[in-house]
């Protein structure tokens, strides 16, 4: 005899694949701390300086089927190194802002002269693979280890010190990328855009720091893929900065801005960018902002008690 009542046993939830790199954590349930000098918002600018193959590899115009050698796409990106980077360095010099640079290591052989001003400014150079004409995924572990080693050695040889941080070309990773980066001596990575605070990530060789990096306030996805205008992107920077400065009253935050030399390095985009960055630098509450670089953020995090930040 049936009663028509629904079963009382709760349904079994189907587990989804996940990872053990870091635990879930709600930002308003964490320990409080401040950045150096009692600052509450850490702000950094990151230039992506990339090198592409001619007639091969990745780098074609988005949404356009251009057969090899696809000179127009190559030339567009080459403009970033020939012209855009210089204009962007002029801009941060004008505003007295620090910057960091995600650098494809093949640039040291192809265009070593572009690093003269970067070194003179004291900017940070971050590992960004060998070239954005290739993507790490898929790769055998030994091949990826070799790629990381080659890129790291080039930066070490040319800058006189190894890079602290890494951003994969196209932000791509394999299952073991954080493990390999930790084993190669990196102290932080930028690939995981999961938080507004640095967090500790697990690797088979110990902890590595994940420093926030933007996918949204990033000129390549915003302008190239989503077709926002230069002024819309500048408004994103202003709105992001203002809102994060307001939110930083409750918890310390990181506000990163990612820029590509062949995108915002175009003259018609520099004016709106200048206005947005000037707004940030001259804000009435700029004394609450740490204008810095991700390597300095990482160094400060390593100096704090380990349980200050989210950790698995």
Protein backbone atom coordinates (compact mmCIF):
# COMPACT_ATOMS: atom_id res chain seq x y z
CA UNK A 1 0.00 0.00 0.00
CA UNK A 2 1.40 3.41 -0.94
CA UNK A 3 0.72 6.62 0.95
CA UNK A 4 1.62 9.03 -1.83
CA UNK A 5 4.09 10.83 0.42
CA UNK A 6 7.43 12.03 -0.92
CA UNK A 7 10.51 10.15 0.34
CA UNK A 8 12.16 11.69 3.41
CA UNK A 9 15.72 10.73 2.46
CA UNK A 10 17.47 13.79 1.00
CA UNK A 11 18.71 13.35 -2.56
CA UNK A 12 22.36 12.52 -3.04
CA UNK A 13 24.36 15.44 -4.37
CA UNK A 14 26.57 14.69 -7.32
CA UNK A 15 30.10 15.96 -6.55
CA UNK A 16 31.73 18.06 -9.23
CA UNK A 17 35.43 17.97 -10.04
CA UNK A 18 37.37 20.51 -8.01
CA UNK A 19 40.92 21.19 -6.82
CA UNK A 20 42.89 21.38 -3.59
CA UNK A 21 44.88 24.52 -4.39
CA UNK A 22 42.99 26.74 -1.90
CA UNK A 23 39.87 26.55 0.30
CA UNK A 24 36.69 28.51 -0.17
CA UNK A 25 36.59 31.64 2.00
CA UNK A 26 34.12 34.54 2.26
CA UNK A 27 36.00 37.84 2.23
CA UNK A 28 34.06 39.48 5.08
CA UNK A 29 34.84 36.54 7.41
CA UNK A 30 38.64 36.90 7.33
CA UNK A 31 41.30 38.43 9.53
CA UNK A 32 41.88 42.14 9.11
CA UNK A 33 45.25 43.72 8.38
CA UNK A 34 46.63 46.80 6.64
CA UNK A 35 49.21 47.39 3.95
CA UNK A 36 52.45 49.27 4.78
CA UNK A 37 51.88 52.65 6.42
CA UNK A 38 48.33 51.73 7.36
CA UNK A 39 47.18 51.83 3.71
CA UNK A 40 44.03 49.92 2.89
CA UNK A 41 44.11 49.61 -0.90
CA UNK A 42 47.09 48.31 -2.88
CA UNK A 43 47.00 49.57 -6.47
CA UNK A 44 49.24 48.36 -9.28
CA UNK A 45 49.57 48.75 -13.04
CA UNK A 46 50.75 45.80 -15.09
CA UNK A 47 51.94 46.18 -18.69
CA UNK A 48 51.85 43.07 -20.86
CA UNK A 49 54.85 43.20 -23.22
CA UNK A 50 54.56 40.33 -25.66
CA UNK A 51 56.36 38.90 -28.66
CA UNK A 52 54.68 36.98 -31.48
CA UNK A 53 55.85 34.76 -34.30
CA UNK A 54 55.39 35.91 -37.90
CA UNK A 55 53.11 33.64 -39.88
CA UNK A 56 52.86 30.97 -37.18
CA UNK A 57 51.46 30.26 -33.74
CA UNK A 58 48.76 32.19 -31.87
CA UNK A 59 47.96 35.84 -32.28
CA UNK A 60 45.46 36.17 -35.11
CA UNK A 61 42.92 39.01 -35.13
CA UNK A 62 39.89 38.15 -33.05
CA UNK A 63 36.95 37.05 -35.18
CA UNK A 64 38.81 37.39 -38.47
CA UNK A 65 40.03 34.47 -40.55
CA UNK A 66 43.32 35.75 -41.90
CA UNK A 67 45.53 33.11 -43.48
CA UNK A 68 49.27 32.98 -42.88
CA UNK A 69 51.39 35.00 -42.83
CA UNK A 70 48.66 37.27 -41.39
CA UNK A 71 50.94 40.29 -41.44
CA UNK A 72 48.21 42.65 -40.18
CA UNK A 73 47.90 40.84 -36.84
CA UNK A 74 51.68 40.59 -36.45
CA UNK A 75 52.11 44.29 -37.26
CA UNK A 76 49.37 45.28 -34.81
CA UNK A 77 51.23 43.57 -31.99
CA UNK A 78 54.61 44.79 -33.22
CA UNK A 79 53.25 48.34 -32.91
CA UNK A 80 52.95 47.75 -29.19
CA UNK A 81 56.68 47.16 -28.82
CA UNK A 82 57.79 49.79 -31.35
CA UNK A 83 55.49 52.63 -30.25
CA UNK A 84 52.87 51.73 -27.64
CA UNK A 85 55.25 50.82 -24.83
CA UNK A 86 57.15 54.11 -25.10
CA UNK A 87 53.93 56.11 -24.98
CA UNK A 88 52.69 54.16 -21.96
CA UNK A 89 56.00 54.65 -20.13
CA UNK A 90 55.74 58.38 -20.88
CA UNK A 91 52.31 58.33 -19.27
CA UNK A 92 53.37 56.63 -16.02
CA UNK A 93 56.45 58.87 -15.86
CA UNK A 94 54.17 61.90 -16.18
CA UNK A 95 51.96 60.67 -13.34
CA UNK A 96 54.86 59.34 -11.24
CA UNK A 97 53.32 55.88 -11.03
CA UNK A 98 55.21 52.59 -10.55
CA UNK A 99 54.54 49.74 -12.95
CA UNK A 100 55.33 46.10 -13.49
CA UNK A 101 55.76 44.26 -16.76
CA UNK A 102 54.70 40.76 -17.82
CA UNK A 103 57.49 39.95 -20.25
CA UNK A 104 57.81 37.26 -22.93
CA UNK A 105 61.43 36.12 -22.59
CA UNK A 106 62.08 35.96 -26.36
CA UNK A 107 61.99 39.78 -26.29
CA UNK A 108 65.46 39.85 -24.75
CA UNK A 109 66.90 38.47 -27.98
CA UNK A 110 64.46 40.15 -30.35
CA UNK A 111 64.22 43.68 -28.91
CA UNK A 112 66.61 44.13 -25.97
CA UNK A 113 66.54 47.92 -26.34
CA UNK A 114 63.00 48.17 -24.95
CA UNK A 115 64.23 47.28 -21.46
CA UNK A 116 66.43 50.35 -21.02
CA UNK A 117 63.65 52.59 -19.70
CA UNK A 118 62.08 49.80 -17.65
CA UNK A 119 65.33 49.30 -15.75
CA UNK A 120 65.84 53.05 -15.33
CA UNK A 121 62.41 53.28 -13.69
CA UNK A 122 63.14 50.42 -11.31
CA UNK A 123 60.04 48.58 -12.47
CA UNK A 124 59.41 44.91 -11.77
CA UNK A 125 59.79 42.32 -14.54
CA UNK A 126 57.47 39.31 -14.26
CA UNK A 127 57.81 35.99 -16.05
CA UNK A 128 55.29 35.63 -18.88
CA UNK A 129 56.52 32.58 -20.74
CA UNK A 130 58.63 32.65 -23.88
CA UNK A 131 56.07 34.07 -26.32
CA UNK A 132 52.32 34.59 -26.53
CA UNK A 133 52.43 32.81 -29.86
CA UNK A 134 52.28 29.62 -27.77
CA UNK A 135 50.03 28.48 -24.95
CA UNK A 136 51.25 26.20 -22.15
CA UNK A 137 48.15 23.98 -22.31
CA UNK A 138 48.41 21.20 -23.39
CA UNK A 139 51.94 20.22 -22.45
CA UNK A 140 53.77 17.29 -20.94
CA UNK A 141 55.12 18.11 -17.49
CA UNK A 142 58.73 17.93 -18.62
CA UNK A 143 58.01 20.22 -21.58
CA UNK A 144 56.32 22.76 -19.31
CA UNK A 145 59.18 22.57 -16.82
CA UNK A 146 61.61 23.28 -19.67
CA UNK A 147 59.52 26.23 -20.90
CA UNK A 148 59.41 27.77 -17.42
CA UNK A 149 63.15 27.17 -16.95
CA UNK A 150 64.04 28.79 -20.28
CA UNK A 151 61.88 31.85 -19.67
CA UNK A 152 63.15 32.22 -16.10
CA UNK A 153 66.80 31.87 -17.11
CA UNK A 154 66.44 34.62 -19.74
CA UNK A 155 64.97 37.07 -17.21
CA UNK A 156 67.60 36.15 -14.63
CA UNK A 157 70.44 36.53 -17.12
CA UNK A 158 69.29 39.90 -18.42
CA UNK A 159 67.98 41.50 -15.23
CA UNK A 160 70.63 40.12 -12.90
CA UNK A 161 68.04 38.48 -10.63
CA UNK A 162 65.32 35.87 -11.02
CA UNK A 163 61.70 37.00 -11.35
CA UNK A 164 59.49 36.62 -8.29
CA UNK A 165 56.20 36.38 -10.14
CA UNK A 166 54.66 34.58 -13.11
CA UNK A 167 51.69 35.07 -15.42
CA UNK A 168 51.20 32.32 -17.98
CA UNK A 169 50.80 33.29 -21.64
CA UNK A 170 47.03 33.71 -22.14
CA UNK A 171 46.77 32.94 -18.36
CA UNK A 172 46.94 29.27 -19.34
CA UNK A 173 47.92 26.53 -16.90
CA UNK A 174 48.21 22.75 -16.84
CA UNK A 175 47.33 20.61 -13.83
CA UNK A 176 50.84 21.08 -12.41
CA UNK A 177 51.76 24.68 -13.26
CA UNK A 178 51.68 26.00 -9.66
CA UNK A 179 53.82 23.03 -8.58
CA UNK A 180 56.40 23.72 -11.27
CA UNK A 181 56.48 27.45 -10.51
CA UNK A 182 57.10 26.81 -6.81
CA UNK A 183 59.83 24.30 -7.66
CA UNK A 184 61.41 26.85 -10.04
CA UNK A 185 61.73 29.37 -7.20
CA UNK A 186 58.73 31.63 -7.88
CA UNK A 187 57.14 33.20 -4.81
CA UNK A 188 53.86 34.29 -6.41
CA UNK A 189 51.65 33.81 -9.46
CA UNK A 190 48.94 35.90 -11.13
CA UNK A 191 46.99 33.27 -13.06
CA UNK A 192 44.07 32.76 -10.64
CA UNK A 193 41.66 35.72 -10.71
CA UNK A 194 39.56 34.41 -7.82
CA UNK A 195 39.91 37.09 -5.14
CA UNK A 196 40.55 40.73 -4.22
CA UNK A 197 43.14 39.72 -1.61
CA UNK A 198 46.28 37.61 -1.94
CA UNK A 199 45.77 34.02 -0.82
CA UNK A 200 48.07 31.07 -0.21
CA UNK A 201 47.90 28.23 -2.72
CA UNK A 202 48.95 24.65 -2.11
CA UNK A 203 51.63 23.01 -4.22
CA UNK A 204 53.47 19.72 -3.83
CA UNK A 205 56.54 21.74 -2.77
CA UNK A 206 54.79 24.03 -0.26
CA UNK A 207 52.82 27.27 -0.38
CA UNK A 208 52.90 29.83 -3.19
CA UNK A 209 51.12 33.17 -3.08
CA UNK A 210 48.36 34.07 -5.50
CA UNK A 211 48.31 37.85 -6.05
CA UNK A 212 45.11 39.30 -7.58
CA UNK A 213 45.23 39.96 -11.32
CA UNK A 214 42.31 41.36 -13.35
CA UNK A 215 40.35 39.65 -16.07
CA UNK A 216 37.65 42.34 -16.05
CA UNK A 217 39.67 45.58 -15.73
CA UNK A 218 42.02 44.36 -18.42
CA UNK A 219 42.16 46.15 -21.76
CA UNK A 220 42.50 43.02 -23.89
CA UNK A 221 39.26 41.28 -22.80
CA UNK A 222 37.42 44.58 -22.35
CA UNK A 223 38.38 46.33 -25.59
CA UNK A 224 39.42 43.57 -27.99
CA UNK A 225 36.97 40.83 -27.05
CA UNK A 226 34.01 42.72 -25.55
CA UNK A 227 34.34 45.77 -27.81
CA UNK A 228 34.23 48.44 -25.12
CA UNK A 229 35.46 51.88 -26.14
CA UNK A 230 38.54 53.56 -24.72
CA UNK A 231 36.37 55.83 -22.61
CA UNK A 232 34.28 52.94 -21.34
CA UNK A 233 37.47 51.17 -20.28
CA UNK A 234 38.72 54.34 -18.58
CA UNK A 235 35.39 54.54 -16.72
CA UNK A 236 35.91 50.94 -15.60
CA UNK A 237 39.25 51.90 -14.04
CA UNK A 238 37.72 54.88 -12.23
CA UNK A 239 34.67 52.95 -11.04
CA UNK A 240 36.78 49.99 -9.90
CA UNK A 241 39.18 52.24 -8.01
CA UNK A 242 36.49 54.32 -6.32
CA UNK A 243 34.42 51.34 -5.24
CA UNK A 244 37.40 49.32 -4.01
CA UNK A 245 38.68 52.34 -2.07
CA UNK A 246 35.28 52.53 -0.40
CA UNK A 247 35.21 48.78 0.31
CA UNK A 248 38.75 48.86 1.69
CA UNK A 249 37.40 50.56 4.80
CA UNK A 250 36.21 47.09 5.83
CA UNK A 251 39.04 44.92 4.50
CA UNK A 252 42.41 45.48 2.77
CA UNK A 253 42.17 44.97 -0.99
CA UNK A 254 44.26 44.86 -4.15
CA UNK A 255 43.22 46.88 -7.22
CA UNK A 256 45.21 45.67 -10.26
CA UNK A 257 44.93 47.16 -13.76
CA UNK A 258 46.22 45.17 -16.76
CA UNK A 259 47.29 46.98 -19.93
CA UNK A 260 48.63 45.73 -23.27
CA UNK A 261 51.03 47.86 -25.28
CA UNK A 262 49.27 47.20 -28.60
CA UNK A 263 45.82 47.97 -27.17
CA UNK A 264 45.86 51.05 -24.91
CA UNK A 265 49.19 52.05 -26.45
CA UNK A 266 47.18 53.36 -29.40
CA UNK A 267 47.12 57.21 -29.29
CA UNK A 268 43.33 57.63 -29.20
CA UNK A 269 43.14 55.41 -26.11
CA UNK A 270 45.92 57.14 -24.18
CA UNK A 271 43.92 60.29 -23.42
CA UNK A 272 41.08 58.50 -21.59
CA UNK A 273 43.63 56.27 -19.84
CA UNK A 274 45.57 59.34 -18.68
CA UNK A 275 42.42 60.87 -17.22
CA UNK A 276 41.52 57.66 -15.39
CA UNK A 277 44.97 57.14 -13.88
CA UNK A 278 45.22 60.80 -12.92
CA UNK A 279 41.90 60.42 -11.10
CA UNK A 280 43.38 57.54 -9.08
CA UNK A 281 46.68 59.24 -8.32
CA UNK A 282 45.16 62.59 -7.26
CA UNK A 283 42.11 61.22 -5.47
CA UNK A 284 41.27 63.11 -2.23
CA UNK A 285 41.81 59.85 -0.32
CA UNK A 286 44.97 58.80 -2.19
CA UNK A 287 46.78 58.76 1.16
CA UNK A 288 44.91 55.51 1.86
CA UNK A 289 46.31 53.91 -1.30
CA UNK A 290 49.58 52.01 -1.68
CA UNK A 291 50.72 52.62 -5.27
CA UNK A 292 52.98 49.63 -5.68
CA UNK A 293 53.95 46.53 -7.67
CA UNK A 294 52.85 42.90 -7.16
CA UNK A 295 56.32 41.79 -6.08
CA UNK A 296 56.20 44.30 -3.23
CA UNK A 297 52.72 43.06 -2.31
CA UNK A 298 54.07 39.50 -2.23
CA UNK A 299 57.08 40.49 -0.12
CA UNK A 300 54.80 42.14 2.42
CA UNK A 301 52.52 39.11 2.55
CA UNK A 302 55.48 36.83 3.21
CA UNK A 303 56.48 39.10 6.11
CA UNK A 304 53.12 38.70 7.88
CA UNK A 305 52.16 35.76 10.12
CA UNK A 306 51.28 32.89 7.75
CA UNK A 307 47.71 32.60 9.05
CA UNK A 308 46.89 36.24 8.22
CA UNK A 309 45.80 35.29 4.71
CA UNK A 310 43.49 32.53 3.49
CA UNK A 311 45.42 29.28 3.39
CA UNK A 312 44.59 25.65 2.71
